[in-house]
Amino acid sequence: MSTRQLIADLDALEQKLNLQRATLKLNTRQRMLVLKRISPVWLVLGGLATGAVAGRLLKSGENAAYVLTLGGLKVWRLYSLVMPSLRGAASE
């Protein structure tokens, strides 16, 4: 490959990286806005509940990873049913 081709490839990769970085920044800003609108009490209670569920699932024995994955999916489904507007705002 010629030097010009390598430079062109590098520029293309740099543009792709910049686009990904801008997307990540936008996503981070949107998530922070959603979290700022939630009462800190709900955040703490949600964290405690998630920790309790994860702790209980981790003590389940041999299939802890499998059970934790299924439990996480169930918690996500419950979350999407209870707070659909929050899930939609966070995923945009």
Protein backbone atom coordinates (compact mmCIF):
# COMPACT_ATOMS: atom_id res chain seq x y z
CA MET A 1 0.00 0.00 0.00
CA SER A 2 1.16 3.47 -0.75
CA THR A 3 1.60 6.12 1.86
CA ARG A 4 -1.32 8.12 0.44
CA GLN A 5 -3.63 5.13 0.70
CA LEU A 6 -2.56 4.54 4.30
CA ILE A 7 -3.18 8.19 5.14
CA ALA A 8 -6.61 8.06 3.48
CA ASP A 9 -7.47 4.90 5.45
CA LEU A 10 -6.30 6.52 8.66
CA ASP A 11 -8.40 9.63 7.96
CA ALA A 12 -11.46 7.47 7.29
CA LEU A 13 -10.94 5.60 10.56
CA GLU A 14 -10.48 8.86 12.42
CA GLN A 15 -13.75 10.21 11.02
CA LYS A 16 -15.52 7.01 12.05
CA LEU A 17 -14.05 7.29 15.55
CA ASN A 18 -15.14 10.93 15.82
CA LEU A 19 -18.68 9.98 14.79
CA GLN A 20 -18.79 7.20 17.38
CA ARG A 21 -17.44 9.56 20.04
CA ALA A 22 -20.09 12.18 19.21
CA THR A 23 -22.82 9.53 19.38
CA LEU A 24 -21.53 8.35 22.75
CA LYS A 25 -21.47 11.91 24.11
CA LEU A 26 -25.05 12.50 22.98
CA ASN A 27 -26.20 9.22 24.50
CA THR A 28 -24.44 10.09 27.76
CA ARG A 29 -26.08 13.52 27.90
CA GLN A 30 -29.53 12.03 27.31
CA ARG A 31 -29.04 9.42 30.03
CA MET A 32 -27.81 12.05 32.48
CA LEU A 33 -30.88 14.19 31.78
CA VAL A 34 -33.12 11.20 32.49
CA LEU A 35 -31.29 10.42 35.72
CA LYS A 36 -31.44 14.05 36.85
CA ARG A 37 -35.23 13.97 36.53
CA ILE A 38 -35.52 10.95 38.83
CA SER A 39 -35.73 11.53 42.56
CA PRO A 40 -32.56 10.41 44.38
CA VAL A 41 -34.77 8.35 46.69
CA TRP A 42 -35.92 6.23 43.74
CA LEU A 43 -32.35 5.81 42.55
CA VAL A 44 -31.20 4.60 45.97
CA LEU A 45 -34.20 2.29 46.40
CA GLY A 46 -33.72 0.91 42.90
CA GLY A 47 -30.05 0.26 43.59
CA LEU A 48 -30.86 -1.48 46.86
CA ALA A 49 -33.51 -3.64 45.21
CA THR A 50 -31.20 -4.54 42.33
CA GLY A 51 -28.41 -5.40 44.77
CA ALA A 52 -30.73 -7.60 46.81
CA VAL A 53 -31.97 -9.42 43.71
CA ALA A 54 -28.45 -9.90 42.38
CA GLY A 55 -27.20 -11.12 45.76
CA ARG A 56 -30.02 -13.63 46.02
CA LEU A 57 -29.38 -14.90 42.50
CA LEU A 58 -25.65 -15.23 43.08
CA LYS A 59 -26.30 -17.51 46.07
CA SER A 60 -28.34 -19.89 43.93
CA GLY A 61 -25.61 -22.50 43.42
CA GLU A 62 -23.99 -24.04 40.37
CA ASN A 63 -26.02 -22.25 37.73
CA ALA A 64 -25.53 -18.79 39.21
CA ALA A 65 -24.50 -17.14 35.92
CA TYR A 66 -27.42 -18.69 34.07
CA VAL A 67 -29.89 -17.74 36.80
CA LEU A 68 -28.43 -14.24 37.02
CA THR A 69 -28.89 -13.76 33.28
CA LEU A 70 -32.49 -14.95 33.35
CA GLY A 71 -33.13 -12.89 36.48
CA GLY A 72 -31.68 -9.83 34.79
CA LEU A 73 -33.99 -10.33 31.83
CA LYS A 74 -36.97 -10.66 34.16
CA VAL A 75 -35.97 -7.49 36.02
CA TRP A 76 -35.59 -5.68 32.68
CA ARG A 77 -39.07 -6.81 31.59
CA LEU A 78 -40.53 -5.67 34.92
CA TYR A 79 -38.69 -2.37 34.56
CA SER A 80 -40.07 -1.84 31.06
CA LEU A 81 -43.60 -2.61 32.26
CA VAL A 82 -43.45 -0.38 35.33
CA MET A 83 -41.62 2.57 33.78
CA PRO A 84 -42.08 2.50 29.99
CA SER A 85 -41.65 6.23 29.59
CA LEU A 86 -38.33 6.21 31.43
CA ARG A 87 -37.04 3.26 29.40
CA GLY A 88 -38.02 5.01 26.17
CA ALA A 89 -36.33 8.25 27.16
CA ALA A 90 -33.13 6.46 28.19
CA SER A 91 -32.88 4.44 25.00
CA GLU A 92 -33.36 7.32 22.55
